[in-house]
Amino acid sequence: FVPCLMIANIKGRHFRKEFFPIDSGLEMQLRKDHGNKAGHVIVSGRVQGVCFRMETRKAALQMHVSGWVKNRPDGAVEAVFEGAPENVDALVNWCKRGPRMASVSDVAVRELDYTGEYADFSIRYE
């Protein structure tokens, strides 16, 4: 089977997804074979009001990592990263320092299954 590439523009956001035209179970195998990695991080400390989300997005784009970042009501910053393992690890390490004005006290990291659902890196406002 040859994978197809679907590109959609929904409400001004671009989505890109690789899929197989027949549900053959090969799509998940293909994703795992690419060796990509996903992670969920919660960054604590003085991380809001210091451009942490904007600088995380900038770093993610430079490192070719997709996903999202958002502020949490408890004062932490939460993010999901997907990409090549070395790039995801580098972005997690960057979060341990953060931007110049940040003071990071803790970074909780949890590995996720890679899904490939993020076409870019976005800042969420929830």
PDB file of N, CA and C in Angstrom:
ATOM      1  N   PHE A   1       0.835  -1.188   0.000  1.00  0.00           N
ATOM      2  CA  PHE A   1       0.000   0.000   0.000  1.00  0.00           C
ATOM      3  C   PHE A   1       0.874   1.244   0.000  1.00  0.00           C
ATOM      4  N   VAL A   2       0.436   2.253  -0.671  1.00  0.00           N
ATOM      5  CA  VAL A   2       1.150   3.518  -0.734  1.00  0.00           C
ATOM      6  C   VAL A   2       0.406   4.528   0.129  1.00  0.00           C
ATOM      7  N   PRO A   3       1.112   5.168   1.078  1.00  0.00           N
ATOM      8  CA  PRO A   3       0.414   6.149   1.907  1.00  0.00           C
ATOM      9  C   PRO A   3       0.017   7.379   1.098  1.00  0.00           C
ATOM     10  N   CYS A   4      -1.102   7.965   1.480  1.00  0.00           N
ATOM     11  CA  CYS A   4      -1.587   9.191   0.855  1.00  0.00           C
ATOM     12  C   CYS A   4      -1.374  10.332   1.837  1.00  0.00           C
ATOM     13  N   LEU A   5      -1.315  11.526   1.327  1.00  0.00           N
ATOM     14  CA  LEU A   5      -1.151  12.700   2.168  1.00  0.00           C
ATOM     15  C   LEU A   5      -2.392  13.565   2.017  1.00  0.00           C
ATOM     16  N   MET A   6      -3.047  13.832   3.151  1.00  0.00           N
ATOM     17  CA  MET A   6      -4.227  14.677   3.148  1.00  0.00           C
ATOM     18  C   MET A   6      -3.845  16.018   3.765  1.00  0.00           C
ATOM     19  N   ILE A   7      -4.175  17.098   3.078  1.00  0.00           N
ATOM     20  CA  ILE A   7      -3.944  18.437   3.609  1.00  0.00           C
ATOM     21  C   ILE A   7      -5.289  19.143   3.630  1.00  0.00           C
ATOM     22  N   ALA A   8      -5.657  19.687   4.779  1.00  0.00           N
ATOM     23  CA  ALA A   8      -6.952  20.354   4.917  1.00  0.00           C
ATOM     24  C   ALA A   8      -6.758  21.710   5.570  1.00  0.00           C
ATOM     25  N   ASN A   9      -7.638  22.626   5.235  1.00  0.00           N
ATOM     26  CA  ASN A   9      -7.662  23.936   5.860  1.00  0.00           C
ATOM     27  C   ASN A   9      -9.012  24.056   6.554  1.00  0.00           C
ATOM     28  N   ILE A  10      -9.003  23.971   7.882  1.00  0.00           N
ATOM     29  CA  ILE A  10     -10.230  24.018   8.666  1.00  0.00           C
ATOM     30  C   ILE A  10     -10.168  25.239   9.568  1.00  0.00           C
ATOM     31  N   LYS A  11     -11.102  26.150   9.370  1.00  0.00           N
ATOM     32  CA  LYS A  11     -11.171  27.383  10.152  1.00  0.00           C
ATOM     33  C   LYS A  11      -9.824  28.107  10.190  1.00  0.00           C
ATOM     34  N   GLY A  12      -9.162  28.184   9.054  1.00  0.00           N
ATOM     35  CA  GLY A  12      -7.905  28.917   8.956  1.00  0.00           C
ATOM     36  C   GLY A  12      -6.687  28.168   9.456  1.00  0.00           C
ATOM     37  N   ARG A  13      -6.849  26.931   9.932  1.00  0.00           N
ATOM     38  CA  ARG A  13      -5.700  26.146  10.411  1.00  0.00           C
ATOM     39  C   ARG A  13      -5.414  25.041   9.410  1.00  0.00           C
ATOM     40  N   HIS A  14      -4.148  24.818   9.139  1.00  0.00           N
ATOM     41  CA  HIS A  14      -3.746  23.775   8.197  1.00  0.00           C
ATOM     42  C   HIS A  14      -3.476  22.485   8.956  1.00  0.00           C
ATOM     43  N   PHE A  15      -3.987  21.388   8.418  1.00  0.00           N
ATOM     44  CA  PHE A  15      -3.747  20.071   8.981  1.00  0.00           C
ATOM     45  C   PHE A  15      -3.155  19.192   7.897  1.00  0.00           C
ATOM     46  N   ARG A  16      -2.222  18.363   8.283  1.00  0.00           N
ATOM     47  CA  ARG A  16      -1.565  17.469   7.341  1.00  0.00           C
ATOM     48  C   ARG A  16      -1.519  16.099   7.974  1.00  0.00           C
ATOM     49  N   LYS A  17      -1.971  15.069   7.270  1.00  0.00           N
ATOM     50  CA  LYS A  17      -2.009  13.733   7.838  1.00  0.00           C
ATOM     51  C   LYS A  17      -1.693  12.715   6.758  1.00  0.00           C
ATOM     52  N   GLU A  18      -0.827  11.784   7.099  1.00  0.00           N
ATOM     53  CA  GLU A  18      -0.508  10.688   6.207  1.00  0.00           C
ATOM     54  C   GLU A  18      -1.438   9.534   6.548  1.00  0.00           C
ATOM     55  N   PHE A  19      -2.043   8.903   5.537  1.00  0.00           N
ATOM     56  CA  PHE A  19      -2.963   7.808   5.815  1.00  0.00           C
ATOM     57  C   PHE A  19      -2.940   6.808   4.669  1.00  0.00           C
ATOM     58  N   PHE A  20      -3.488   5.630   4.946  1.00  0.00           N
ATOM     59  CA  PHE A  20      -3.635   4.612   3.923  1.00  0.00           C
ATOM     60  C   PHE A  20      -5.083   4.608   3.446  1.00  0.00           C
ATOM     61  N   PRO A  21      -5.328   4.527   2.151  1.00  0.00           N
ATOM     62  CA  PRO A  21      -6.702   4.582   1.649  1.00  0.00           C
ATOM     63  C   PRO A  21      -7.558   3.418   2.120  1.00  0.00           C
ATOM     64  N   ILE A  22      -6.968   2.296   2.435  1.00  0.00           N
ATOM     65  CA  ILE A  22      -7.708   1.142   2.939  1.00  0.00           C
ATOM     66  C   ILE A  22      -7.260   0.917   4.373  1.00  0.00           C
ATOM     67  N   ASP A  23      -8.209   0.734   5.278  1.00  0.00           N
ATOM     68  CA  ASP A  23      -7.881   0.533   6.684  1.00  0.00           C
ATOM     69  C   ASP A  23      -7.206  -0.828   6.833  1.00  0.00           C
ATOM     70  N   SER A  24      -5.898  -0.837   6.694  1.00  0.00           N
ATOM     71  CA  SER A  24      -5.149  -2.086   6.677  1.00  0.00           C
ATOM     72  C   SER A  24      -4.362  -2.324   7.956  1.00  0.00           C
ATOM     73  N   GLY A  25      -4.408  -1.383   8.887  1.00  0.00           N
ATOM     74  CA  GLY A  25      -3.621  -1.537  10.103  1.00  0.00           C
ATOM     75  C   GLY A  25      -2.166  -1.156   9.897  1.00  0.00           C
ATOM     76  N   LEU A  26      -1.798  -0.793   8.677  1.00  0.00           N
ATOM     77  CA  LEU A  26      -0.412  -0.458   8.385  1.00  0.00           C
ATOM     78  C   LEU A  26      -0.060   0.963   8.784  1.00  0.00           C
ATOM     79  N   GLU A  27      -1.076   1.835   8.922  1.00  0.00           N
ATOM     80  CA  GLU A  27      -0.797   3.237   9.225  1.00  0.00           C
ATOM     81  C   GLU A  27      -0.049   3.365  10.543  1.00  0.00           C
ATOM     82  N   MET A  28      -0.521   2.687  11.587  1.00  0.00           N
ATOM     83  CA  MET A  28       0.140   2.782  12.885  1.00  0.00           C
ATOM     84  C   MET A  28       1.549   2.193  12.803  1.00  0.00           C
ATOM     85  N   GLN A  29       1.714   1.107  12.063  1.00  0.00           N
ATOM     86  CA  GLN A  29       3.035   0.514  11.908  1.00  0.00           C
ATOM     87  C   GLN A  29       3.971   1.494  11.209  1.00  0.00           C
ATOM     88  N   LEU A  30       3.475   2.194  10.200  1.00  0.00           N
ATOM     89  CA  LEU A  30       4.295   3.164   9.481  1.00  0.00           C
ATOM     90  C   LEU A  30       4.764   4.253  10.435  1.00  0.00           C
ATOM     91  N   ARG A  31       3.854   4.741  11.267  1.00  0.00           N
ATOM     92  CA  ARG A  31       4.222   5.798  12.202  1.00  0.00           C
ATOM     93  C   ARG A  31       5.310   5.335  13.150  1.00  0.00           C
ATOM     94  N   LYS A  32       5.206   4.122  13.651  1.00  0.00           N
ATOM     95  CA  LYS A  32       6.216   3.616  14.578  1.00  0.00           C
ATOM     96  C   LYS A  32       7.541   3.383  13.866  1.00  0.00           C
ATOM     97  N   ASP A  33       7.490   2.944  12.615  1.00  0.00           N
ATOM     98  CA  ASP A  33       8.709   2.666  11.869  1.00  0.00           C
ATOM     99  C   ASP A  33       9.504   3.930  11.586  1.00  0.00           C
ATOM    100  N   HIS A  34       8.867   5.081  11.578  1.00  0.00           N
ATOM    101  CA  HIS A  34       9.579   6.329  11.341  1.00  0.00           C
ATOM    102  C   HIS A  34      10.455   6.714  12.529  1.00  0.00           C
ATOM    103  N   GLY A  35      10.261   6.083  13.666  1.00  0.00           N
ATOM    104  CA  GLY A  35      11.101   6.353  14.824  1.00  0.00           C
ATOM    105  C   GLY A  35      10.796   7.661  15.516  1.00  0.00           C
ATOM    106  N   ASN A  36       9.633   8.235  15.277  1.00  0.00           N
ATOM    107  CA  ASN A  36       9.278   9.483  15.927  1.00  0.00           C
ATOM    108  C   ASN A  36       8.897   9.262  17.376  1.00  0.00           C
ATOM    109  N   LYS A  37       8.864  10.356  18.111  1.00  0.00           N
ATOM    110  CA  LYS A  37       8.634  10.308  19.548  1.00  0.00           C
ATOM    111  C   LYS A  37       7.652  11.411  19.920  1.00  0.00           C
ATOM    112  N   ALA A  38       6.922  11.197  21.003  1.00  0.00           N
ATOM    113  CA  ALA A  38       6.016  12.224  21.517  1.00  0.00           C
ATOM    114  C   ALA A  38       6.179  12.314  23.026  1.00  0.00           C
ATOM    115  N   GLY A  39       5.997  13.526  23.541  1.00  0.00           N
ATOM    116  CA  GLY A  39       6.106  13.727  24.976  1.00  0.00           C
ATOM    117  C   GLY A  39       5.174  14.820  25.460  1.00  0.00           C
ATOM    118  N   HIS A  40       4.776  14.710  26.704  1.00  0.00           N
ATOM    119  CA  HIS A  40       3.902  15.690  27.368  1.00  0.00           C
ATOM    120  C   HIS A  40       4.716  16.275  28.514  1.00  0.00           C
ATOM    121  N   VAL A  41       4.792  17.596  28.587  1.00  0.00           N
ATOM    122  CA  VAL A  41       5.568  18.244  29.653  1.00  0.00           C
ATOM    123  C   VAL A  41       4.712  19.259  30.399  1.00  0.00           C
ATOM    124  N   ILE A  42       4.987  19.368  31.687  1.00  0.00           N
ATOM    125  CA  ILE A  42       4.416  20.424  32.519  1.00  0.00           C
ATOM    126  C   ILE A  42       5.594  21.129  33.171  1.00  0.00           C
ATOM    127  N   VAL A  43       5.713  22.409  32.882  1.00  0.00           N
ATOM    128  CA  VAL A  43       6.843  23.211  33.349  1.00  0.00           C
ATOM    129  C   VAL A  43       6.347  24.125  34.468  1.00  0.00           C
ATOM    130  N   SER A  44       6.974  24.025  35.640  1.00  0.00           N
ATOM    131  CA  SER A  44       6.585  24.825  36.801  1.00  0.00           C
ATOM    132  C   SER A  44       7.653  25.848  37.131  1.00  0.00           C
ATOM    133  N   GLY A  45       7.257  26.855  37.885  1.00  0.00           N
ATOM    134  CA  GLY A  45       8.152  27.931  38.284  1.00  0.00           C
ATOM    135  C   GLY A  45       7.586  29.254  37.808  1.00  0.00           C
ATOM    136  N   ARG A  46       8.459  30.221  37.598  1.00  0.00           N
ATOM    137  CA  ARG A  46       8.006  31.490  37.022  1.00  0.00           C
ATOM    138  C   ARG A  46       8.064  31.339  35.505  1.00  0.00           C
ATOM    139  N   VAL A  47       6.969  30.832  34.957  1.00  0.00           N
ATOM    140  CA  VAL A  47       6.936  30.487  33.538  1.00  0.00           C
ATOM    141  C   VAL A  47       5.785  31.164  32.793  1.00  0.00           C
ATOM    142  N   GLN A  48       4.974  31.939  33.481  1.00  0.00           N
ATOM    143  CA  GLN A  48       3.934  32.712  32.815  1.00  0.00           C
ATOM    144  C   GLN A  48       4.287  34.188  32.928  1.00  0.00           C
ATOM    145  N   GLY A  49       3.977  34.933  31.872  1.00  0.00           N
ATOM    146  CA  GLY A  49       4.311  36.354  31.843  1.00  0.00           C
ATOM    147  C   GLY A  49       5.750  36.628  31.470  1.00  0.00           C
ATOM    148  N   VAL A  50       6.439  35.604  30.960  1.00  0.00           N
ATOM    149  CA  VAL A  50       7.854  35.756  30.578  1.00  0.00           C
ATOM    150  C   VAL A  50       8.093  35.263  29.142  1.00  0.00           C
ATOM    151  N   CYS A  51       7.029  35.222  28.346  1.00  0.00           N
ATOM    152  CA  CYS A  51       7.088  34.793  26.936  1.00  0.00           C
ATOM    153  C   CYS A  51       7.474  33.325  26.776  1.00  0.00           C
ATOM    154  N   PHE A  52       7.162  32.491  27.763  1.00  0.00           N
ATOM    155  CA  PHE A  52       7.543  31.083  27.692  1.00  0.00           C
ATOM    156  C   PHE A  52       6.875  30.383  26.512  1.00  0.00           C
ATOM    157  N   ARG A  53       5.574  30.607  26.324  1.00  0.00           N
ATOM    158  CA  ARG A  53       4.872  29.938  25.215  1.00  0.00           C
ATOM    159  C   ARG A  53       5.417  30.384  23.865  1.00  0.00           C
ATOM    160  N   MET A  54       5.599  31.675  23.677  1.00  0.00           N
ATOM    161  CA  MET A  54       6.102  32.193  22.409  1.00  0.00           C
ATOM    162  C   MET A  54       7.503  31.647  22.108  1.00  0.00           C
ATOM    163  N   GLU A  55       8.364  31.635  23.117  1.00  0.00           N
ATOM    164  CA  GLU A  55       9.730  31.143  22.908  1.00  0.00           C
ATOM    165  C   GLU A  55       9.763  29.624  22.728  1.00  0.00           C
ATOM    166  N   THR A  56       8.833  28.918  23.365  1.00  0.00           N
ATOM    167  CA  THR A  56       8.736  27.462  23.157  1.00  0.00           C
ATOM    168  C   THR A  56       8.346  27.176  21.718  1.00  0.00           C
ATOM    169  N   ARG A  57       7.377  27.927  21.200  1.00  0.00           N
ATOM    170  CA  ARG A  57       6.968  27.749  19.810  1.00  0.00           C
ATOM    171  C   ARG A  57       8.124  28.053  18.864  1.00  0.00           C
ATOM    172  N   LYS A  58       8.840  29.113  19.131  1.00  0.00           N
ATOM    173  CA  LYS A  58       9.993  29.487  18.299  1.00  0.00           C
ATOM    174  C   LYS A  58      11.043  28.379  18.311  1.00  0.00           C
ATOM    175  N   ALA A  59      11.341  27.843  19.499  1.00  0.00           N
ATOM    176  CA  ALA A  59      12.323  26.756  19.614  1.00  0.00           C
ATOM    177  C   ALA A  59      11.819  25.503  18.906  1.00  0.00           C
ATOM    178  N   ALA A  60      10.532  25.193  19.049  1.00  0.00           N
ATOM    179  CA  ALA A  60       9.960  24.000  18.414  1.00  0.00           C
ATOM    180  C   ALA A  60      10.057  24.102  16.895  1.00  0.00           C
ATOM    181  N   LEU A  61       9.763  25.265  16.352  1.00  0.00           N
ATOM    182  CA  LEU A  61       9.850  25.439  14.901  1.00  0.00           C
ATOM    183  C   LEU A  61      11.289  25.297  14.417  1.00  0.00           C
ATOM    184  N   GLN A  62      12.240  25.827  15.184  1.00  0.00           N
ATOM    185  CA  GLN A  62      13.651  25.698  14.816  1.00  0.00           C
ATOM    186  C   GLN A  62      14.115  24.249  14.883  1.00  0.00           C
ATOM    187  N   MET A  63      13.525  23.467  15.804  1.00  0.00           N
ATOM    188  CA  MET A  63      13.925  22.068  15.998  1.00  0.00           C
ATOM    189  C   MET A  63      13.052  21.095  15.215  1.00  0.00           C
ATOM    190  N   HIS A  64      12.119  21.609  14.408  1.00  0.00           N
ATOM    191  CA  HIS A  64      11.220  20.783  13.598  1.00  0.00           C
ATOM    192  C   HIS A  64      10.389  19.832  14.462  1.00  0.00           C
ATOM    193  N   VAL A  65       9.838  20.383  15.542  1.00  0.00           N
ATOM    194  CA  VAL A  65       8.962  19.642  16.444  1.00  0.00           C
ATOM    195  C   VAL A  65       7.562  20.217  16.299  1.00  0.00           C
ATOM    196  N   SER A  66       6.570  19.345  16.247  1.00  0.00           N
ATOM    197  CA  SER A  66       5.179  19.795  16.174  1.00  0.00           C
ATOM    198  C   SER A  66       4.498  19.569  17.518  1.00  0.00           C
ATOM    199  N   GLY A  67       3.308  20.159  17.680  1.00  0.00           N
ATOM    200  CA  GLY A  67       2.559  19.999  18.915  1.00  0.00           C
ATOM    201  C   GLY A  67       1.921  21.301  19.345  1.00  0.00           C
ATOM    202  N   TRP A  68       1.862  21.528  20.660  1.00  0.00           N
ATOM    203  CA  TRP A  68       1.229  22.740  21.182  1.00  0.00           C
ATOM    204  C   TRP A  68       1.781  23.072  22.560  1.00  0.00           C
ATOM    205  N   VAL A  69       1.499  24.309  22.984  1.00  0.00           N
ATOM    206  CA  VAL A  69       1.885  24.780  24.316  1.00  0.00           C
ATOM    207  C   VAL A  69       0.777  25.690  24.822  1.00  0.00           C
ATOM    208  N   LYS A  70       0.519  25.660  26.131  1.00  0.00           N
ATOM    209  CA  LYS A  70      -0.513  26.525  26.701  1.00  0.00           C
ATOM    210  C   LYS A  70      -0.202  26.818  28.164  1.00  0.00           C
ATOM    211  N   ASN A  71      -0.764  27.939  28.650  1.00  0.00           N
ATOM    212  CA  ASN A  71      -0.712  28.258  30.078  1.00  0.00           C
ATOM    213  C   ASN A  71      -1.772  27.441  30.801  1.00  0.00           C
ATOM    214  N   ARG A  72      -1.457  27.063  32.033  1.00  0.00           N
ATOM    215  CA  ARG A  72      -2.423  26.361  32.881  1.00  0.00           C
ATOM    216  C   ARG A  72      -2.906  27.304  33.980  1.00  0.00           C
ATOM    217  N   PRO A  73      -4.099  27.073  34.498  1.00  0.00           N
ATOM    218  CA  PRO A  73      -4.616  27.939  35.560  1.00  0.00           C
ATOM    219  C   PRO A  73      -3.764  27.936  36.829  1.00  0.00           C
ATOM    220  N   ASP A  74      -2.995  26.860  37.049  1.00  0.00           N
ATOM    221  CA  ASP A  74      -2.167  26.761  38.267  1.00  0.00           C
ATOM    222  C   ASP A  74      -0.837  27.501  38.145  1.00  0.00           C
ATOM    223  N   GLY A  75      -0.611  28.207  37.020  1.00  0.00           N
ATOM    224  CA  GLY A  75       0.622  28.973  36.839  1.00  0.00           C
ATOM    225  C   GLY A  75       1.709  28.244  36.079  1.00  0.00           C
ATOM    226  N   ALA A  76       1.485  26.981  35.768  1.00  0.00           N
ATOM    227  CA  ALA A  76       2.459  26.190  35.003  1.00  0.00           C
ATOM    228  C   ALA A  76       2.191  26.366  33.504  1.00  0.00           C
ATOM    229  N   VAL A  77       3.096  25.829  32.704  1.00  0.00           N
ATOM    230  CA  VAL A  77       2.944  25.770  31.255  1.00  0.00           C
ATOM    231  C   VAL A  77       2.925  24.298  30.872  1.00  0.00           C
ATOM    232  N   GLU A  78       2.009  23.929  29.993  1.00  0.00           N
ATOM    233  CA  GLU A  78       1.846  22.547  29.553  1.00  0.00           C
ATOM    234  C   GLU A  78       2.092  22.477  28.055  1.00  0.00           C
ATOM    235  N   ALA A  79       2.702  21.390  27.594  1.00  0.00           N
ATOM    236  CA  ALA A  79       2.974  21.257  26.159  1.00  0.00           C
ATOM    237  C   ALA A  79       3.002  19.797  25.747  1.00  0.00           C
ATOM    238  N   VAL A  80       2.749  19.570  24.467  1.00  0.00           N
ATOM    239  CA  VAL A  80       2.907  18.262  23.831  1.00  0.00           C
ATOM    240  C   VAL A  80       3.843  18.451  22.659  1.00  0.00           C
ATOM    241  N   PHE A  81       4.856  17.587  22.565  1.00  0.00           N
ATOM    242  CA  PHE A  81       5.848  17.652  21.499  1.00  0.00           C
ATOM    243  C   PHE A  81       5.827  16.354  20.701  1.00  0.00           C
ATOM    244  N   GLU A  82       5.945  16.459  19.380  1.00  0.00           N
ATOM    245  CA  GLU A  82       6.091  15.288  18.511  1.00  0.00           C
ATOM    246  C   GLU A  82       7.169  15.571  17.475  1.00  0.00           C
ATOM    247  N   GLY A  83       7.981  14.554  17.214  1.00  0.00           N
ATOM    248  CA  GLY A  83       9.007  14.706  16.196  1.00  0.00           C
ATOM    249  C   GLY A  83      10.086  13.660  16.347  1.00  0.00           C
ATOM    250  N   ALA A  84      11.213  13.916  15.710  1.00  0.00           N
ATOM    251  CA  ALA A  84      12.359  13.016  15.820  1.00  0.00           C
ATOM    252  C   ALA A  84      12.814  12.977  17.280  1.00  0.00           C
ATOM    253  N   PRO A  85      13.190  11.807  17.791  1.00  0.00           N
ATOM    254  CA  PRO A  85      13.551  11.681  19.206  1.00  0.00           C
ATOM    255  C   PRO A  85      14.588  12.685  19.682  1.00  0.00           C
ATOM    256  N   GLU A  86      15.616  12.929  18.886  1.00  0.00           N
ATOM    257  CA  GLU A  86      16.656  13.861  19.312  1.00  0.00           C
ATOM    258  C   GLU A  86      16.129  15.297  19.383  1.00  0.00           C
ATOM    259  N   ASN A  87      15.180  15.633  18.513  1.00  0.00           N
ATOM    260  CA  ASN A  87      14.603  16.978  18.532  1.00  0.00           C
ATOM    261  C   ASN A  87      13.645  17.165  19.701  1.00  0.00           C
ATOM    262  N   VAL A  88      12.831  16.151  19.978  1.00  0.00           N
ATOM    263  CA  VAL A  88      11.923  16.215  21.129  1.00  0.00           C
ATOM    264  C   VAL A  88      12.731  16.318  22.417  1.00  0.00           C
ATOM    265  N   ASP A  89      13.782  15.495  22.539  1.00  0.00           N
ATOM    266  CA  ASP A  89      14.635  15.548  23.732  1.00  0.00           C
ATOM    267  C   ASP A  89      15.296  16.916  23.887  1.00  0.00           C
ATOM    268  N   ALA A  90      15.740  17.488  22.779  1.00  0.00           N
ATOM    269  CA  ALA A  90      16.371  18.817  22.825  1.00  0.00           C
ATOM    270  C   ALA A  90      15.377  19.875  23.282  1.00  0.00           C
ATOM    271  N   LEU A  91      14.133  19.778  22.829  1.00  0.00           N
ATOM    272  CA  LEU A  91      13.120  20.755  23.237  1.00  0.00           C
ATOM    273  C   LEU A  91      12.759  20.585  24.712  1.00  0.00           C
ATOM    274  N   VAL A  92      12.693  19.354  25.188  1.00  0.00           N
ATOM    275  CA  VAL A  92      12.460  19.115  26.624  1.00  0.00           C
ATOM    276  C   VAL A  92      13.605  19.723  27.431  1.00  0.00           C
ATOM    277  N   ASN A  93      14.825  19.531  26.996  1.00  0.00           N
ATOM    278  CA  ASN A  93      15.981  20.126  27.688  1.00  0.00           C
ATOM    279  C   ASN A  93      15.921  21.649  27.646  1.00  0.00           C
ATOM    280  N   TRP A  94      15.470  22.212  26.524  1.00  0.00           N
ATOM    281  CA  TRP A  94      15.317  23.660  26.443  1.00  0.00           C
ATOM    282  C   TRP A  94      14.300  24.145  27.485  1.00  0.00           C
ATOM    283  N   CYS A  95      13.224  23.386  27.675  1.00  0.00           N
ATOM    284  CA  CYS A  95      12.195  23.754  28.660  1.00  0.00           C
ATOM    285  C   CYS A  95      12.754  23.786  30.081  1.00  0.00           C
ATOM    286  N   LYS A  96      13.788  23.049  30.342  1.00  0.00           N
ATOM    287  CA  LYS A  96      14.393  23.053  31.689  1.00  0.00           C
ATOM    288  C   LYS A  96      15.067  24.385  31.989  1.00  0.00           C
ATOM    289  N   ARG A  97      15.414  25.129  30.949  1.00  0.00           N
ATOM    290  CA  ARG A  97      15.980  26.474  31.103  1.00  0.00           C
ATOM    291  C   ARG A  97      14.939  27.528  30.794  1.00  0.00           C
ATOM    292  N   GLY A  98      14.270  27.379  29.646  1.00  0.00           N
ATOM    293  CA  GLY A  98      13.257  28.331  29.216  1.00  0.00           C
ATOM    294  C   GLY A  98      13.870  29.621  28.724  1.00  0.00           C
ATOM    295  N   PRO A  99      13.036  30.616  28.467  1.00  0.00           N
ATOM    296  CA  PRO A  99      13.550  31.907  28.013  1.00  0.00           C
ATOM    297  C   PRO A  99      14.280  32.641  29.139  1.00  0.00           C
ATOM    298  N   ARG A 100      14.959  33.685  28.784  1.00  0.00           N
ATOM    299  CA  ARG A 100      15.844  34.414  29.705  1.00  0.00           C
ATOM    300  C   ARG A 100      15.161  34.840  30.998  1.00  0.00           C
ATOM    301  N   MET A 101      13.934  35.331  30.929  1.00  0.00           N
ATOM    302  CA  MET A 101      13.250  35.853  32.115  1.00  0.00           C
ATOM    303  C   MET A 101      12.565  34.774  32.956  1.00  0.00           C
ATOM    304  N   ALA A 102      12.523  33.540  32.465  1.00  0.00           N
ATOM    305  CA  ALA A 102      11.867  32.452  33.197  1.00  0.00           C
ATOM    306  C   ALA A 102      12.756  31.925  34.318  1.00  0.00           C
ATOM    307  N   SER A 103      12.114  31.343  35.309  1.00  0.00           N
ATOM    308  CA  SER A 103      12.820  30.654  36.379  1.00  0.00           C
ATOM    309  C   SER A 103      12.123  29.305  36.558  1.00  0.00           C
ATOM    310  N   VAL A 104      12.662  28.270  35.938  1.00  0.00           N
ATOM    311  CA  VAL A 104      12.039  26.948  35.925  1.00  0.00           C
ATOM    312  C   VAL A 104      12.430  26.194  37.192  1.00  0.00           C
ATOM    313  N   SER A 105      11.419  25.707  37.908  1.00  0.00           N
ATOM    314  CA  SER A 105      11.690  24.927  39.119  1.00  0.00           C
ATOM    315  C   SER A 105      11.519  23.432  38.893  1.00  0.00           C
ATOM    316  N   ASP A 106      10.684  23.047  37.927  1.00  0.00           N
ATOM    317  CA  ASP A 106      10.460  21.615  37.686  1.00  0.00           C
ATOM    318  C   ASP A 106       9.910  21.417  36.280  1.00  0.00           C
ATOM    319  N   VAL A 107      10.305  20.305  35.658  1.00  0.00           N
ATOM    320  CA  VAL A 107       9.739  19.886  34.377  1.00  0.00           C
ATOM    321  C   VAL A 107       9.333  18.428  34.521  1.00  0.00           C
ATOM    322  N   ALA A 108       8.029  18.187  34.517  1.00  0.00           N
ATOM    323  CA  ALA A 108       7.504  16.820  34.573  1.00  0.00           C
ATOM    324  C   ALA A 108       7.307  16.343  33.141  1.00  0.00           C
ATOM    325  N   VAL A 109       7.923  15.215  32.803  1.00  0.00           N
ATOM    326  CA  VAL A 109       7.881  14.701  31.429  1.00  0.00           C
ATOM    327  C   VAL A 109       7.225  13.327  31.432  1.00  0.00           C
ATOM    328  N   ARG A 110       6.306  13.138  30.502  1.00  0.00           N
ATOM    329  CA  ARG A 110       5.656  11.835  30.337  1.00  0.00           C
ATOM    330  C   ARG A 110       5.704  11.489  28.852  1.00  0.00           C
ATOM    331  N   GLU A 111       6.198  10.309  28.531  1.00  0.00           N
ATOM    332  CA  GLU A 111       6.254   9.894  27.130  1.00  0.00           C
ATOM    333  C   GLU A 111       4.864   9.487  26.665  1.00  0.00           C
ATOM    334  N   LEU A 112       4.526   9.885  25.445  1.00  0.00           N
ATOM    335  CA  LEU A 112       3.243   9.554  24.820  1.00  0.00           C
ATOM    336  C   LEU A 112       3.487   8.697  23.590  1.00  0.00           C
ATOM    337  N   ASP A 113       2.442   8.051  23.111  1.00  0.00           N
ATOM    338  CA  ASP A 113       2.519   7.368  21.825  1.00  0.00           C
ATOM    339  C   ASP A 113       2.504   8.426  20.731  1.00  0.00           C
ATOM    340  N   TYR A 114       3.371   8.283  19.772  1.00  0.00           N
ATOM    341  CA  TYR A 114       3.408   9.204  18.644  1.00  0.00           C
ATOM    342  C   TYR A 114       2.153   8.997  17.797  1.00  0.00           C
ATOM    343  N   THR A 115       1.454  10.086  17.477  1.00  0.00           N
ATOM    344  CA  THR A 115       0.239   9.994  16.658  1.00  0.00           C
ATOM    345  C   THR A 115       0.379  10.676  15.306  1.00  0.00           C
ATOM    346  N   GLY A 116       1.259  11.655  15.193  1.00  0.00           N
ATOM    347  CA  GLY A 116       1.399  12.391  13.941  1.00  0.00           C
ATOM    348  C   GLY A 116       0.249  13.333  13.665  1.00  0.00           C
ATOM    349  N   GLU A 117      -0.545  13.663  14.683  1.00  0.00           N
ATOM    350  CA  GLU A 117      -1.734  14.487  14.454  1.00  0.00           C
ATOM    351  C   GLU A 117      -1.450  15.981  14.335  1.00  0.00           C
ATOM    352  N   TYR A 118      -0.247  16.421  14.677  1.00  0.00           N
ATOM    353  CA  TYR A 118       0.053  17.853  14.648  1.00  0.00           C
ATOM    354  C   TYR A 118       0.887  18.196  13.416  1.00  0.00           C
ATOM    355  N   ALA A 119       0.366  19.109  12.607  1.00  0.00           N
ATOM    356  CA  ALA A 119       1.062  19.507  11.384  1.00  0.00           C
ATOM    357  C   ALA A 119       2.039  20.652  11.645  1.00  0.00           C
ATOM    358  N   ASP A 120       1.851  21.349  12.763  1.00  0.00           N
ATOM    359  CA  ASP A 120       2.703  22.482  13.083  1.00  0.00           C
ATOM    360  C   ASP A 120       2.801  22.600  14.604  1.00  0.00           C
ATOM    361  N   PHE A 121       3.313  23.703  15.088  1.00  0.00           N
ATOM    362  CA  PHE A 121       3.381  23.927  16.527  1.00  0.00           C
ATOM    363  C   PHE A 121       2.568  25.170  16.843  1.00  0.00           C
ATOM    364  N   SER A 122       1.613  25.043  17.761  1.00  0.00           N
ATOM    365  CA  SER A 122       0.708  26.148  18.028  1.00  0.00           C
ATOM    366  C   SER A 122       0.701  26.526  19.519  1.00  0.00           C
ATOM    367  N   ILE A 123       0.300  27.742  19.756  1.00  0.00           N
ATOM    368  CA  ILE A 123       0.037  28.219  21.112  1.00  0.00           C
ATOM    369  C   ILE A 123      -1.461  28.120  21.315  1.00  0.00           C
ATOM    370  N   ARG A 124      -1.856  27.400  22.350  1.00  0.00           N
ATOM    371  CA  ARG A 124      -3.290  27.248  22.648  1.00  0.00           C
ATOM    372  C   ARG A 124      -3.702  28.276  23.686  1.00  0.00           C
ATOM    373  N   TYR A 125      -4.891  28.798  23.482  1.00  0.00           N
ATOM    374  CA  TYR A 125      -5.465  29.765  24.426  1.00  0.00           C
ATOM    375  C   TYR A 125      -6.772  29.171  24.941  1.00  0.00           C
ATOM    376  N   GLU A 126      -6.697  28.463  26.060  1.00  0.00           N
ATOM    377  CA  GLU A 126      -7.880  27.789  26.609  1.00  0.00           C
ATOM    378  C   GLU A 126      -8.178  28.284  27.992  1.00  0.00           C
TER     379      GLU A 126
END
